Amino acid sequence: MTTRTQPPSPITSQFVNHPWAPALAADGYTDICEREGQLCGIRRFNFTTAVVVGVDPVGYHRRYCYEHAHEARQALAAWDGKGHPGGPWIKCKGAGIELLNPALTC
């Protein structure tokens, strides 16, 4: 059985020449952009795809985990960087952060 996946979006044109672009691309980041002065992007993790916020050479500040990559991409594209991104993110994780999406209920 073959699974169709959407190819990752390249690093956006305004960040192609960013000094961290090669390292971010090598680390699996796509859709690199800036929101409210923070470098953000999309990155695949073991079981989720995340909107990653506050990316720097050492790591990131926090990430919003989504079940599906297309939902993460849509959320990042629509997000202005204030509050939490939209869409059905499952959990926000980071240093000292462990937040379940309050909009999701069991």
C-alpha atoms as a PDB file:
ATOM      1  CA  MET A   1       0.000   0.000   0.000  1.00  0.00           C
ATOM      2  CA  THR A   2       1.333   3.434  -0.911  1.00  0.00           C
ATOM      3  CA  THR A   3       0.672   6.468   1.177  1.00  0.00           C
ATOM      4  CA  ARG A   4       0.354   9.826  -0.492  1.00  0.00           C
ATOM      5  CA  THR A   5       1.977  12.643   1.348  1.00  0.00           C
ATOM      6  CA  GLN A   6       2.116  16.265   0.437  1.00  0.00           C
ATOM      7  CA  PRO A   7       5.692  17.403  -0.194  1.00  0.00           C
ATOM      8  CA  PRO A   8       6.962  19.872   2.387  1.00  0.00           C
ATOM      9  CA  SER A   9       6.866  23.518   1.491  1.00  0.00           C
ATOM     10  CA  PRO A  10      10.311  24.955   0.897  1.00  0.00           C
ATOM     11  CA  ILE A  11      11.728  27.537   3.232  1.00  0.00           C
ATOM     12  CA  THR A  12       9.921  30.733   2.303  1.00  0.00           C
ATOM     13  CA  SER A  13      11.815  33.014  -0.040  1.00  0.00           C
ATOM     14  CA  GLN A  14      12.494  35.732   2.529  1.00  0.00           C
ATOM     15  CA  PHE A  15      14.377  33.198   4.683  1.00  0.00           C
ATOM     16  CA  VAL A  16      16.349  31.364   1.988  1.00  0.00           C
ATOM     17  CA  ASN A  17      19.407  33.523   2.738  1.00  0.00           C
ATOM     18  CA  HIS A  18      18.950  33.445   6.505  1.00  0.00           C
ATOM     19  CA  PRO A  19      22.188  32.273   8.171  1.00  0.00           C
ATOM     20  CA  TRP A  20      20.335  29.419   9.893  1.00  0.00           C
ATOM     21  CA  ALA A  21      18.424  28.264   6.773  1.00  0.00           C
ATOM     22  CA  PRO A  22      20.771  25.366   5.853  1.00  0.00           C
ATOM     23  CA  ALA A  23      20.784  24.017   9.414  1.00  0.00           C
ATOM     24  CA  LEU A  24      17.001  24.383   9.757  1.00  0.00           C
ATOM     25  CA  ALA A  25      16.368  22.624   6.450  1.00  0.00           C
ATOM     26  CA  ALA A  26      18.782  19.833   7.428  1.00  0.00           C
ATOM     27  CA  ASP A  27      16.909  19.473  10.709  1.00  0.00           C
ATOM     28  CA  GLY A  28      13.615  19.002   8.854  1.00  0.00           C
ATOM     29  CA  TYR A  29      12.065  22.462   9.211  1.00  0.00           C
ATOM     30  CA  THR A  30       9.828  23.753   6.435  1.00  0.00           C
ATOM     31  CA  ASP A  31       7.555  26.772   6.036  1.00  0.00           C
ATOM     32  CA  ILE A  32      10.011  29.004   7.924  1.00  0.00           C
ATOM     33  CA  CYS A  33       8.509  32.408   8.662  1.00  0.00           C
ATOM     34  CA  GLU A  34       8.464  35.121  11.294  1.00  0.00           C
ATOM     35  CA  ARG A  35       5.554  35.748  13.623  1.00  0.00           C
ATOM     36  CA  GLU A  36       5.669  38.551  16.204  1.00  0.00           C
ATOM     37  CA  GLY A  37       9.465  38.705  15.955  1.00  0.00           C
ATOM     38  CA  GLN A  38       9.960  34.965  16.484  1.00  0.00           C
ATOM     39  CA  LEU A  39      11.232  32.500  13.892  1.00  0.00           C
ATOM     40  CA  CYS A  40       8.617  29.778  13.329  1.00  0.00           C
ATOM     41  CA  GLY A  41       8.280  26.738  11.120  1.00  0.00           C
ATOM     42  CA  ILE A  42       6.809  23.309  10.587  1.00  0.00           C
ATOM     43  CA  ARG A  43       8.643  20.194  11.752  1.00  0.00           C
ATOM     44  CA  ARG A  44       7.730  16.517  11.824  1.00  0.00           C
ATOM     45  CA  PHE A  45       8.126  14.681  15.134  1.00  0.00           C
ATOM     46  CA  ASN A  46       7.637  10.958  15.869  1.00  0.00           C
ATOM     47  CA  PHE A  47       3.843  10.976  16.067  1.00  0.00           C
ATOM     48  CA  THR A  48       2.822  14.529  15.207  1.00  0.00           C
ATOM     49  CA  THR A  49       3.668  17.513  13.045  1.00  0.00           C
ATOM     50  CA  ALA A  50       4.263  20.746  14.911  1.00  0.00           C
ATOM     51  CA  VAL A  51       4.098  24.471  14.491  1.00  0.00           C
ATOM     52  CA  VAL A  52       7.414  25.321  16.148  1.00  0.00           C
ATOM     53  CA  VAL A  53       7.763  28.785  17.693  1.00  0.00           C
ATOM     54  CA  GLY A  54      10.910  30.654  18.704  1.00  0.00           C
ATOM     55  CA  VAL A  55      13.378  28.616  16.655  1.00  0.00           C
ATOM     56  CA  ASP A  56      17.038  29.434  17.291  1.00  0.00           C
ATOM     57  CA  PRO A  57      20.384  27.682  16.711  1.00  0.00           C
ATOM     58  CA  VAL A  58      19.985  25.683  19.939  1.00  0.00           C
ATOM     59  CA  GLY A  59      16.345  24.603  19.679  1.00  0.00           C
ATOM     60  CA  TYR A  60      12.962  26.285  20.094  1.00  0.00           C
ATOM     61  CA  HIS A  61      10.758  27.898  22.716  1.00  0.00           C
ATOM     62  CA  ARG A  62       7.571  25.858  22.217  1.00  0.00           C
ATOM     63  CA  ARG A  63       5.702  23.702  19.746  1.00  0.00           C
ATOM     64  CA  TYR A  64       2.056  23.058  18.954  1.00  0.00           C
ATOM     65  CA  CYS A  65       1.489  19.415  18.010  1.00  0.00           C
ATOM     66  CA  TYR A  66      -1.035  18.524  15.303  1.00  0.00           C
ATOM     67  CA  GLU A  67      -2.109  15.062  14.182  1.00  0.00           C
ATOM     68  CA  HIS A  68      -1.908  15.979  10.489  1.00  0.00           C
ATOM     69  CA  ALA A  69       0.761  18.003   8.671  1.00  0.00           C
ATOM     70  CA  HIS A  70      -1.750  19.886   6.522  1.00  0.00           C
ATOM     71  CA  GLU A  71      -3.514  21.153   9.650  1.00  0.00           C
ATOM     72  CA  ALA A  72      -0.239  22.445  11.079  1.00  0.00           C
ATOM     73  CA  ARG A  73       0.617  24.197   7.795  1.00  0.00           C
ATOM     74  CA  GLN A  74      -2.816  25.805   7.591  1.00  0.00           C
ATOM     75  CA  ALA A  75      -2.589  26.958  11.212  1.00  0.00           C
ATOM     76  CA  LEU A  76       0.858  28.520  10.748  1.00  0.00           C
ATOM     77  CA  ALA A  77      -0.190  30.243   7.523  1.00  0.00           C
ATOM     78  CA  ALA A  78      -3.241  31.799   9.207  1.00  0.00           C
ATOM     79  CA  TRP A  79      -1.620  32.637  12.563  1.00  0.00           C
ATOM     80  CA  ASP A  80      -0.495  36.183  13.353  1.00  0.00           C
ATOM     81  CA  GLY A  81       1.766  35.056  16.215  1.00  0.00           C
ATOM     82  CA  LYS A  82      -0.511  36.291  18.990  1.00  0.00           C
ATOM     83  CA  GLY A  83      -2.023  33.838  21.451  1.00  0.00           C
ATOM     84  CA  HIS A  84      -2.194  30.256  20.247  1.00  0.00           C
ATOM     85  CA  PRO A  85      -2.441  29.190  16.594  1.00  0.00           C
ATOM     86  CA  GLY A  86      -5.803  27.963  15.365  1.00  0.00           C
ATOM     87  CA  GLY A  87      -6.825  24.517  14.307  1.00  0.00           C
ATOM     88  CA  PRO A  88      -6.954  21.266  16.220  1.00  0.00           C
ATOM     89  CA  TRP A  89      -3.574  21.330  17.947  1.00  0.00           C
ATOM     90  CA  ILE A  90      -3.401  18.621  20.552  1.00  0.00           C
ATOM     91  CA  LYS A  91      -0.742  19.856  22.944  1.00  0.00           C
ATOM     92  CA  CYS A  92       1.631  22.767  23.409  1.00  0.00           C
ATOM     93  CA  LYS A  93       5.037  21.644  24.674  1.00  0.00           C
ATOM     94  CA  GLY A  94       8.236  23.425  25.583  1.00  0.00           C
ATOM     95  CA  ALA A  95      10.512  24.253  28.488  1.00  0.00           C
ATOM     96  CA  GLY A  96       8.138  24.344  31.447  1.00  0.00           C
ATOM     97  CA  ILE A  97       5.086  24.175  29.150  1.00  0.00           C
ATOM     98  CA  GLU A  98       2.696  21.241  28.963  1.00  0.00           C
ATOM     99  CA  LEU A  99      -0.705  22.517  27.820  1.00  0.00           C
ATOM    100  CA  LEU A 100      -3.583  20.515  26.351  1.00  0.00           C
ATOM    101  CA  ASN A 101      -5.718  22.395  23.843  1.00  0.00           C
ATOM    102  CA  PRO A 102      -8.648  23.720  25.915  1.00  0.00           C
ATOM    103  CA  ALA A 103     -10.846  23.666  22.790  1.00  0.00           C
ATOM    104  CA  LEU A 104     -10.587  19.861  22.590  1.00  0.00           C
ATOM    105  CA  THR A 105     -12.876  17.852  24.845  1.00  0.00           C
ATOM    106  CA  CYS A 106     -13.190  14.137  25.469  1.00  0.00           C
END
